[in-house]
Amino acid sequence: MGRVTQQDIARMTGVSQATVSLVLNGRADADVRIAPETRERVLKAIRSTGYVADPIARRLASRHNRILGVFTYESVFPAGLGDFYHPFLVGIEECAERVGCDLLLLTSAPVVDGRRRIFHQDNRLRLADGCVLLGRSLDPTELARLLAEGLPFVSVGRRDDAGGPVPYVGADYPGATAAQVRAAKELGHERMVYVGQGEGPESHADRWTGFRSEADGAHVTEVDLDKVLRSRPTCVFVEEYADGVALMRQAEDAGLRVPEDLSFVALGDPTRPAVTDRELTGFRIPRRAMGWQAVEVLMDLLEGRPGERQRLLPCEPVRGATLAVARA
């Protein structure tokens, strides 16, 4: 037997196709009352045949097919990323399951100038009710087009306005970074240096903002111990965890003790492999919660519920073993 249709179910049960549709969607029109025995007969036929509703047809009828898209600007599965994206995806999946939605991973986007693009000739965004966007750096022109075309989406990570407010769930990098600087100050650190971009993606700019709100330290963009030591710091704040591991190795090769002579603070989780036998002091990004809440915000948008469209979640401090009392 081929694919079972609503017409087949209607013929089997002696009811109209409209009645089958009403039973499938769990609704009853004001002018149509479905007897309990009729509803049960239709449901029994559906169960016995293994009927599966056509998602496109259901979308036309209800405007929603309970499918959420996930678009990633960077590849999220290679082992070289050290599973950085895995907790985001876990949170997305868990919340989607909780609200009864399937996920569609949009992987056909072409790479242009080294980056994936949402909009292309064969983009399938409209197969989903809405989309969760994942990546460290999102194209503001594409965000502006999503807003202009009224396509429901939520970014995992804070995003600047793009022709209007962008819905997002991000981490409170300014607050978490500022708290780490204050903790270093309490241990007597007055000479600090920040290593990282400090600009570009919002996550980098937000860390730099938090650092500058509490410290007047130098800014070094290269992972170079000689340049880091020019300002004679007692504590180094690294934007990228792996850069901190590399600088610690350089410091110890130069005869410095970590953290007694030089302390290190990492502003987040590793985004690439970083092998070390010591956990860096710093904070953890609430990645799983960000993925979960991104789906929550998207569902609020789709169902027209009031709610906070831009959320910043607190980061979890990590005591670590790389921050000590400043040397005299």
Protein backbone atom coordinates (compact mmCIF):
# COMPACT_ATOMS: atom_id res chain seq x y z
CA MET A 1 0.00 0.00 0.00
CA GLY A 2 1.25 3.46 -0.89
CA ARG A 3 1.30 6.50 1.35
CA VAL A 4 -1.97 6.74 3.30
CA THR A 5 -3.88 10.01 2.81
CA GLN A 6 -6.66 11.76 4.67
CA GLN A 7 -9.00 10.66 1.87
CA ASP A 8 -8.08 7.03 2.61
CA ILE A 9 -8.84 7.51 6.30
CA ALA A 10 -12.16 9.15 5.42
CA ARG A 11 -13.18 6.23 3.16
CA MET A 12 -12.20 3.67 5.80
CA THR A 13 -14.26 5.33 8.52
CA GLY A 14 -17.20 6.62 6.48
CA VAL A 15 -16.68 10.27 7.36
CA SER A 16 -15.72 13.36 5.37
CA GLN A 17 -12.12 14.40 4.82
CA ALA A 18 -12.91 17.62 6.71
CA THR A 19 -13.83 15.55 9.78
CA VAL A 20 -10.55 13.64 9.55
CA SER A 21 -8.70 16.96 9.36
CA LEU A 22 -10.52 18.29 12.44
CA VAL A 23 -9.67 15.16 14.42
CA LEU A 24 -6.01 15.32 13.36
CA ASN A 25 -5.69 18.93 14.44
CA GLY A 26 -7.54 18.37 17.70
CA ARG A 27 -10.15 20.99 16.82
CA ALA A 28 -13.88 21.20 16.37
CA ASP A 29 -15.52 23.96 14.33
CA ALA A 30 -18.42 25.83 15.88
CA ASP A 31 -20.77 24.39 13.23
CA VAL A 32 -19.45 20.84 13.43
CA ARG A 33 -19.76 18.65 16.50
CA ILE A 34 -17.82 15.40 16.27
CA ALA A 35 -19.34 12.53 18.25
CA PRO A 36 -16.87 10.81 20.61
CA GLU A 37 -17.40 7.46 18.90
CA THR A 38 -16.69 9.02 15.49
CA ARG A 39 -13.51 10.66 16.78
CA GLU A 40 -12.36 7.35 18.27
CA ARG A 41 -13.08 5.51 14.99
CA VAL A 42 -10.97 7.99 13.06
CA LEU A 43 -8.13 7.82 15.61
CA LYS A 44 -8.18 4.03 15.51
CA ALA A 45 -7.85 4.09 11.72
CA ILE A 46 -4.98 6.55 11.96
CA ARG A 47 -3.16 4.32 14.45
CA SER A 48 -3.76 1.12 12.50
CA THR A 49 -2.51 2.53 9.19
CA GLY A 50 0.44 4.45 10.61
CA TYR A 51 -0.84 7.61 8.89
CA VAL A 52 1.58 10.56 9.06
CA ALA A 53 0.26 14.03 8.29
CA ASP A 54 1.88 15.89 5.41
CA PRO A 55 3.78 18.73 7.13
CA ILE A 56 3.37 21.06 4.15
CA ALA A 57 -0.39 20.52 4.10
CA ARG A 58 -0.59 21.06 7.84
CA ARG A 59 1.42 24.25 7.48
CA LEU A 60 -1.04 25.56 4.89
CA ALA A 61 -3.91 24.77 7.22
CA SER A 62 -2.49 25.99 10.52
CA ARG A 63 0.37 28.28 9.43
CA HIS A 64 2.74 26.24 11.63
CA ASN A 65 4.25 22.79 11.08
CA ARG A 66 6.16 22.51 14.38
CA ILE A 67 9.53 22.48 12.63
CA LEU A 68 12.27 24.83 13.80
CA GLY A 69 15.32 25.55 11.68
CA VAL A 70 18.88 25.72 13.04
CA PHE A 71 21.37 27.66 10.93
CA THR A 72 25.06 27.71 11.84
CA TYR A 73 27.49 30.22 10.40
CA GLU A 74 30.36 27.93 11.35
CA SER A 75 30.56 24.15 11.08
CA VAL A 76 29.54 22.84 14.50
CA PHE A 77 30.57 19.18 14.35
CA PRO A 78 34.37 18.98 13.71
CA ALA A 79 36.29 17.64 16.73
CA GLY A 80 38.79 20.47 16.31
CA LEU A 81 36.30 22.85 17.91
CA GLY A 82 36.60 20.92 21.17
CA ASP A 83 32.83 20.42 21.36
CA PHE A 84 32.31 24.16 21.96
CA TYR A 85 28.96 24.14 20.14
CA HIS A 86 27.70 20.86 21.58
CA PRO A 87 26.04 22.32 24.74
CA PHE A 88 24.20 24.94 22.62
CA LEU A 89 22.80 22.17 20.42
CA VAL A 90 21.84 20.08 23.45
CA GLY A 91 19.84 22.97 24.88
CA ILE A 92 18.16 23.63 21.53
CA GLU A 93 17.25 19.97 21.12
CA GLU A 94 15.96 19.55 24.67
CA CYS A 95 13.69 22.58 24.51
CA ALA A 96 12.43 21.68 21.02
CA GLU A 97 11.49 18.24 22.35
CA ARG A 98 9.80 19.86 25.35
CA VAL A 99 7.58 22.07 23.16
CA GLY A 100 6.85 19.28 20.66
CA CYS A 101 8.86 20.56 17.68
CA ASP A 102 11.25 18.90 15.26
CA LEU A 103 14.56 20.46 14.25
CA LEU A 104 15.75 21.07 10.69
CA LEU A 105 19.51 21.63 10.44
CA LEU A 106 20.04 23.93 7.46
CA THR A 107 23.31 22.77 5.92
CA SER A 108 22.97 23.58 2.21
CA ALA A 109 24.06 27.22 2.52
CA PRO A 110 26.98 28.05 0.23
CA VAL A 111 30.25 29.42 1.60
CA VAL A 112 30.99 32.90 0.24
CA ASP A 113 34.24 34.69 1.17
CA GLY A 114 34.91 31.99 3.75
CA ARG A 115 31.50 32.23 5.45
CA ARG A 116 28.14 30.53 5.09
CA ARG A 117 25.26 32.63 3.82
CA ILE A 118 21.64 32.31 4.88
CA PHE A 119 20.16 33.72 1.71
CA HIS A 120 20.92 31.91 -1.53
CA GLN A 121 19.06 30.60 -4.55
CA ASP A 122 17.91 27.37 -2.91
CA ASN A 123 17.59 28.46 0.72
CA ARG A 124 15.01 26.45 2.65
CA LEU A 125 14.34 28.80 5.55
CA ARG A 126 10.62 28.84 4.86
CA LEU A 127 10.33 25.09 5.39
CA ALA A 128 10.60 25.89 9.09
CA ASP A 129 8.29 28.04 11.20
CA GLY A 130 11.27 29.99 12.48
CA CYS A 131 15.02 29.67 12.89
CA VAL A 132 17.70 29.65 15.59
CA LEU A 133 20.98 31.23 14.40
CA LEU A 134 24.24 29.97 15.86
CA GLY A 135 27.74 31.31 15.34
CA ARG A 136 30.28 33.70 16.83
CA SER A 137 29.92 36.23 14.02
CA LEU A 138 26.61 36.80 12.23
CA ASP A 139 26.29 38.91 9.08
CA PRO A 140 24.41 42.14 9.99
CA THR A 141 23.13 42.53 6.42
CA GLU A 142 21.49 39.12 6.62
CA LEU A 143 20.03 39.92 10.03
CA ALA A 144 18.60 43.13 8.57
CA ARG A 145 17.01 41.18 5.71
CA LEU A 146 15.49 38.64 8.13
CA LEU A 147 13.95 41.51 10.08
CA ALA A 148 12.74 43.30 6.95
CA GLU A 149 11.10 40.18 5.54
CA GLY A 150 9.47 39.32 8.85
CA LEU A 151 11.07 35.86 9.11
CA PRO A 152 10.96 34.73 12.76
CA PHE A 153 14.43 34.03 14.16
CA VAL A 154 16.47 34.21 17.35
CA SER A 155 20.23 34.54 17.63
CA VAL A 156 22.25 32.55 20.14
CA GLY A 157 24.50 35.38 21.30
CA ARG A 158 23.91 39.10 21.68
CA ARG A 159 23.67 41.00 18.40
CA ASP A 160 23.67 44.71 17.67
CA ASP A 161 20.61 46.24 16.05
CA ALA A 162 20.34 45.50 12.34
CA GLY A 163 17.66 47.83 11.04
CA GLY A 164 15.77 47.03 14.23
CA PRO A 165 16.22 45.10 17.48
CA VAL A 166 17.54 41.56 16.93
CA PRO A 167 15.95 38.86 19.12
CA TYR A 168 18.72 37.04 21.01
CA VAL A 169 19.75 35.05 24.05
CA GLY A 170 23.33 35.86 25.00
CA ALA A 171 25.84 35.66 27.83
CA ASP A 172 26.51 38.65 30.07
CA TYR A 173 30.15 38.98 29.05
CA PRO A 174 30.56 42.58 30.31
CA GLY A 175 29.29 41.68 33.77
CA ALA A 176 31.24 38.41 33.99
CA THR A 177 34.50 40.02 32.81
CA ALA A 178 34.12 43.01 35.15
CA ALA A 179 33.56 40.62 38.07
CA GLN A 180 36.81 38.78 37.25
CA VAL A 181 38.74 42.07 37.16
CA ARG A 182 37.35 43.04 40.56
CA ALA A 183 38.34 39.63 41.95
CA ALA A 184 41.90 40.17 40.67
CA LYS A 185 42.01 43.61 42.24
CA GLU A 186 40.99 42.14 45.60
CA LEU A 187 44.10 39.94 45.36
CA GLY A 188 46.27 43.02 44.84
CA HIS A 189 46.58 43.03 41.05
CA GLU A 190 46.94 46.56 39.72
CA ARG A 191 48.87 45.99 36.49
CA MET A 192 46.73 43.94 34.09
CA VAL A 193 46.81 43.27 30.37
CA TYR A 194 44.03 42.14 28.02
CA VAL A 195 44.94 39.70 25.24
CA GLY A 196 42.48 39.34 22.35
CA GLN A 197 40.66 41.18 19.59
CA GLY A 198 38.44 43.31 21.79
CA GLU A 199 36.45 44.15 18.68
CA GLY A 200 34.62 42.50 15.79
CA PRO A 201 32.07 39.93 17.01
CA GLU A 202 29.84 41.25 19.79
CA SER A 203 31.12 38.57 22.18
CA HIS A 204 34.68 39.91 21.85
CA ALA A 205 33.67 43.55 22.09
CA ASP A 206 31.54 42.83 25.17
CA ARG A 207 34.47 41.22 27.00
CA TRP A 208 36.67 44.22 26.24
CA THR A 209 33.91 46.55 27.46
CA GLY A 210 33.73 44.66 30.76
CA PHE A 211 37.51 44.79 31.18
CA ARG A 212 37.72 48.50 30.44
CA SER A 213 34.93 49.27 32.90
CA GLU A 214 37.15 48.11 35.78
CA ALA A 215 40.76 48.39 34.57
CA ASP A 216 43.13 50.66 32.66
CA GLY A 217 45.34 47.81 31.50
CA ALA A 218 47.16 47.43 28.20
CA HIS A 219 45.59 45.71 25.19
CA VAL A 220 47.60 43.17 23.19
CA THR A 221 46.13 41.45 20.16
CA GLU A 222 48.89 38.89 19.60
CA VAL A 223 49.70 35.77 21.61
CA ASP A 224 53.26 36.95 22.23
CA LEU A 225 54.71 36.85 25.75
CA ASP A 226 57.31 39.56 25.04
CA LYS A 227 54.57 42.01 24.04
CA VAL A 228 52.43 40.97 27.00
CA LEU A 229 55.27 41.59 29.47
CA ARG A 230 56.12 45.10 28.19
CA SER A 231 53.65 46.66 30.63
CA ARG A 232 54.98 44.44 33.46
CA PRO A 233 51.59 42.96 34.34
CA THR A 234 50.88 40.68 37.28
CA CYS A 235 47.68 39.33 35.71
CA VAL A 236 46.78 38.49 32.10
CA PHE A 237 43.17 38.34 30.88
CA VAL A 238 42.72 36.24 27.74
CA GLU A 239 39.75 36.46 25.42
CA GLU A 240 40.37 32.91 24.17
CA TYR A 241 41.07 30.07 26.60
CA ALA A 242 43.56 28.39 24.26
CA ASP A 243 45.57 31.62 24.03
CA GLY A 244 45.88 31.59 27.82
CA VAL A 245 47.22 28.03 27.73
CA ALA A 246 49.76 29.02 25.06
CA LEU A 247 50.91 32.08 27.01
CA MET A 248 51.23 30.08 30.25
CA ARG A 249 53.50 27.65 28.43
CA GLN A 250 55.60 30.54 27.09
CA ALA A 251 55.80 32.08 30.57
CA GLU A 252 56.96 28.85 32.21
CA ASP A 253 59.50 28.28 29.43
CA ALA A 254 60.82 31.76 30.28
CA GLY A 255 61.25 30.78 33.93
CA LEU A 256 58.12 32.45 35.32
CA ARG A 257 55.92 30.66 37.83
CA VAL A 258 52.17 30.52 37.17
CA PRO A 259 50.30 31.88 39.07
CA GLU A 260 52.89 33.10 41.62
CA ASP A 261 54.79 35.36 39.20
CA LEU A 262 52.10 35.80 36.56
CA SER A 263 48.37 35.06 36.93
CA PHE A 264 45.95 34.22 34.13
CA VAL A 265 42.17 34.63 33.76
CA ALA A 266 40.24 33.09 30.85
CA LEU A 267 37.10 34.90 29.70
CA GLY A 268 35.05 31.87 28.67
CA ASP A 269 35.23 28.25 27.57
CA PRO A 270 37.71 26.85 25.03
CA THR A 271 36.61 27.34 21.43
CA ARG A 272 39.51 25.23 20.15
CA PRO A 273 41.61 22.46 21.71
CA ALA A 274 43.67 23.58 24.70
CA VAL A 275 45.65 20.87 26.50
CA THR A 276 46.62 21.75 30.07
CA ASP A 277 46.69 20.00 33.42
CA ARG A 278 45.40 23.12 35.19
CA GLU A 279 42.00 24.70 34.90
CA LEU A 280 42.22 28.40 34.17
CA THR A 281 40.46 30.79 36.52
CA GLY A 282 37.63 32.65 34.80
CA PHE A 283 34.03 31.86 33.94
CA ARG A 284 31.88 29.40 32.03
CA ILE A 285 29.40 30.45 29.34
CA PRO A 286 25.82 29.20 29.99
CA ARG A 287 25.78 27.49 26.60
CA ARG A 288 23.10 24.88 27.27
CA ALA A 289 20.76 27.44 28.84
CA MET A 290 21.35 29.83 25.92
CA GLY A 291 20.28 27.17 23.42
CA TRP A 292 17.22 26.23 25.47
CA GLN A 293 16.07 29.81 25.97
CA ALA A 294 16.64 30.69 22.31
CA VAL A 295 13.94 28.13 21.45
CA GLU A 296 11.70 29.60 24.18
CA VAL A 297 12.02 33.09 22.70
CA LEU A 298 11.40 31.74 19.19
CA MET A 299 8.21 30.00 20.33
CA ASP A 300 7.02 33.24 21.97
CA LEU A 301 7.56 35.00 18.64
CA LEU A 302 5.76 32.31 16.66
CA GLU A 303 2.78 32.13 18.98
CA GLY A 304 2.50 35.88 19.53
CA ARG A 305 3.07 35.68 23.26
CA PRO A 306 4.49 38.65 25.18
CA GLY A 307 7.97 38.08 26.52
CA GLU A 308 11.52 39.32 26.69
CA ARG A 309 13.00 39.19 23.19
CA GLN A 310 16.56 39.99 24.27
CA ARG A 311 18.05 38.08 27.19
CA LEU A 312 21.51 38.11 28.77
CA LEU A 313 22.27 35.16 31.05
CA PRO A 314 24.81 35.24 33.90
CA CYS A 315 28.06 33.30 33.53
CA GLU A 316 29.34 30.85 36.15
CA PRO A 317 32.61 31.86 37.87
CA VAL A 318 35.41 29.26 37.83
CA ARG A 319 37.88 29.37 40.72
CA GLY A 320 40.59 27.58 38.77
CA ALA A 321 44.28 27.38 39.64
CA THR A 322 45.81 30.29 37.73
CA LEU A 323 45.00 33.36 39.85
CA ALA A 324 47.01 34.09 43.00
CA VAL A 325 47.83 37.04 45.23
CA ALA A 326 49.81 39.61 43.27
CA ARG A 327 53.55 39.58 43.79
CA ALA A 328 55.01 42.53 45.64
